[in-house]
Protein backbone atom coordinates (compact mmCIF):
# COMPACT_ATOMS: atom_id res chain seq x y z
CA MET A 1 -160.17 163.57 112.59
CA THR A 2 -159.72 166.27 115.19
CA THR A 3 -157.55 169.33 114.81
CA ALA A 4 -155.10 168.08 117.44
CA ILE A 5 -154.63 164.80 115.59
CA THR A 6 -154.23 166.60 112.27
CA ASN A 7 -151.61 168.93 113.73
CA LEU A 8 -149.72 166.03 115.33
CA ALA A 9 -149.69 164.20 111.99
CA ALA A 10 -148.40 167.33 110.23
CA GLN A 11 -145.68 167.78 112.84
CA GLU A 12 -144.52 164.20 112.35
CA ARG A 13 -144.03 164.87 108.62
CA MET A 14 -142.08 168.11 109.19
CA THR A 15 -138.41 168.31 108.46
CA ALA A 16 -136.18 170.26 110.83
CA ASP A 17 -136.37 173.25 108.46
CA ASP A 18 -140.18 173.07 108.36
CA TYR A 19 -140.30 173.03 112.14
CA ALA A 20 -137.99 176.03 112.43
CA VAL A 21 -140.04 178.07 109.94
CA THR A 22 -143.30 177.13 111.70
CA ALA A 23 -141.90 178.04 115.12
CA LEU A 24 -140.54 181.38 113.85
CA ALA A 25 -143.80 182.19 112.06
CA GLY A 26 -145.72 181.50 115.27
CA TYR A 27 -143.39 183.75 117.24
CA PHE A 28 -143.79 186.67 114.83
CA ALA A 29 -147.55 186.11 114.45
CA ALA A 30 -147.93 186.41 118.23
CA ARG A 31 -146.20 189.82 118.11
CA GLY A 32 -148.80 191.33 115.78
CA PRO A 33 -149.83 191.49 112.13
CA LEU A 34 -147.04 193.78 110.92
CA SER A 35 -144.39 191.72 112.66
CA PHE A 36 -145.76 188.61 110.93
CA GLU A 37 -145.91 190.43 107.58
CA ARG A 38 -142.24 191.40 107.97
CA PHE A 39 -141.37 187.76 108.68
CA LEU A 40 -143.24 186.58 105.60
CA SER A 41 -141.71 189.34 103.50
CA GLY A 42 -138.20 188.38 104.58
CA TYR A 43 -138.86 184.67 104.05
CA TYR A 44 -140.32 185.37 100.62
CA ALA A 45 -137.40 187.64 99.68
CA GLU A 46 -134.86 184.99 100.65
CA SER A 47 -136.77 182.33 98.69
CA ILE A 48 -136.83 184.50 95.57
CA ARG A 49 -133.12 185.25 95.96
CA LEU A 50 -132.29 181.54 96.15
CA ILE A 51 -134.48 180.74 93.16
CA GLN A 52 -132.95 183.58 91.16
CA GLU A 53 -129.38 182.48 91.95
CA ALA A 54 -130.14 178.88 91.02
CA HIS A 55 -131.90 179.86 87.81
CA LEU A 56 -129.24 182.29 86.64
CA THR A 57 -126.76 179.40 86.36
CA ASP A 58 -129.26 177.39 84.25
CA CYS A 59 -130.95 180.09 82.17
CA THR A 60 -130.27 179.63 78.47
CA ALA A 61 -132.20 182.66 77.20
CA ALA A 62 -130.06 185.08 75.22
CA ASP A 63 -130.18 188.83 75.76
CA GLY A 64 -133.50 190.14 74.50
CA GLU A 65 -135.21 186.72 74.65
CA HIS A 66 -138.00 186.09 77.11
CA CYS A 67 -137.61 183.44 79.79
CA ALA A 68 -140.76 182.48 81.71
CA THR A 69 -138.79 181.75 84.88
CA CYS A 70 -136.91 185.07 84.76
CA ASP A 71 -140.23 186.87 84.17
CA ALA A 72 -141.83 185.08 87.13
CA ILE A 73 -138.90 186.03 89.36
CA ARG A 74 -139.27 189.68 88.30
CA VAL A 75 -143.01 189.57 89.11
CA GLY A 76 -142.20 188.10 92.52
CA LEU A 77 -139.69 190.83 93.22
CA VAL A 78 -142.16 193.54 92.21
CA GLY A 79 -144.79 191.98 94.47
CA LEU A 80 -142.32 191.87 97.32
CA LEU A 81 -141.47 195.56 96.88
CA ALA A 82 -145.17 196.47 96.85
CA GLU A 83 -145.73 194.48 100.04
CA GLN A 84 -142.77 196.14 101.75
CA HIS A 85 -144.12 199.57 100.82
CA THR A 86 -147.50 198.62 102.33
CA VAL A 87 -145.92 197.46 105.59
CA THR A 88 -143.75 200.56 105.81
CA ALA A 89 -146.74 202.84 105.14
CA ALA A 90 -148.70 201.13 107.92
CA GLU A 91 -145.81 201.64 110.33
CA VAL A 92 -145.53 205.33 109.44
CA SER A 93 -149.27 205.85 109.91
CA GLY A 94 -149.09 204.21 113.35
CA HIS A 95 -151.02 201.02 112.62
CA ASP A 96 -148.22 198.75 113.91
CA GLN A 97 -149.64 196.25 116.43
CA HIS A 98 -147.27 194.97 119.13
């Protein structure tokens, strides 16, 4: 199977949301690595926010109890902050590629 056929098959399975995300990712990737990293960071942040909001309504852990989902969300948020600091540091040092 060639790459073109594979990509066509993947496009046929895409929902409208998948297509929009793919098109936006391509746009930002073409503008340079830091632009693409900012896109991914924003997409990731919004995903974590949605997961956190949905989970907070369903979480049954009492104060002081550990919840694996809450812990995973916290880890994701910490990772996101670390990534944002890396991108910002690269911009300050002048490594932004446009």
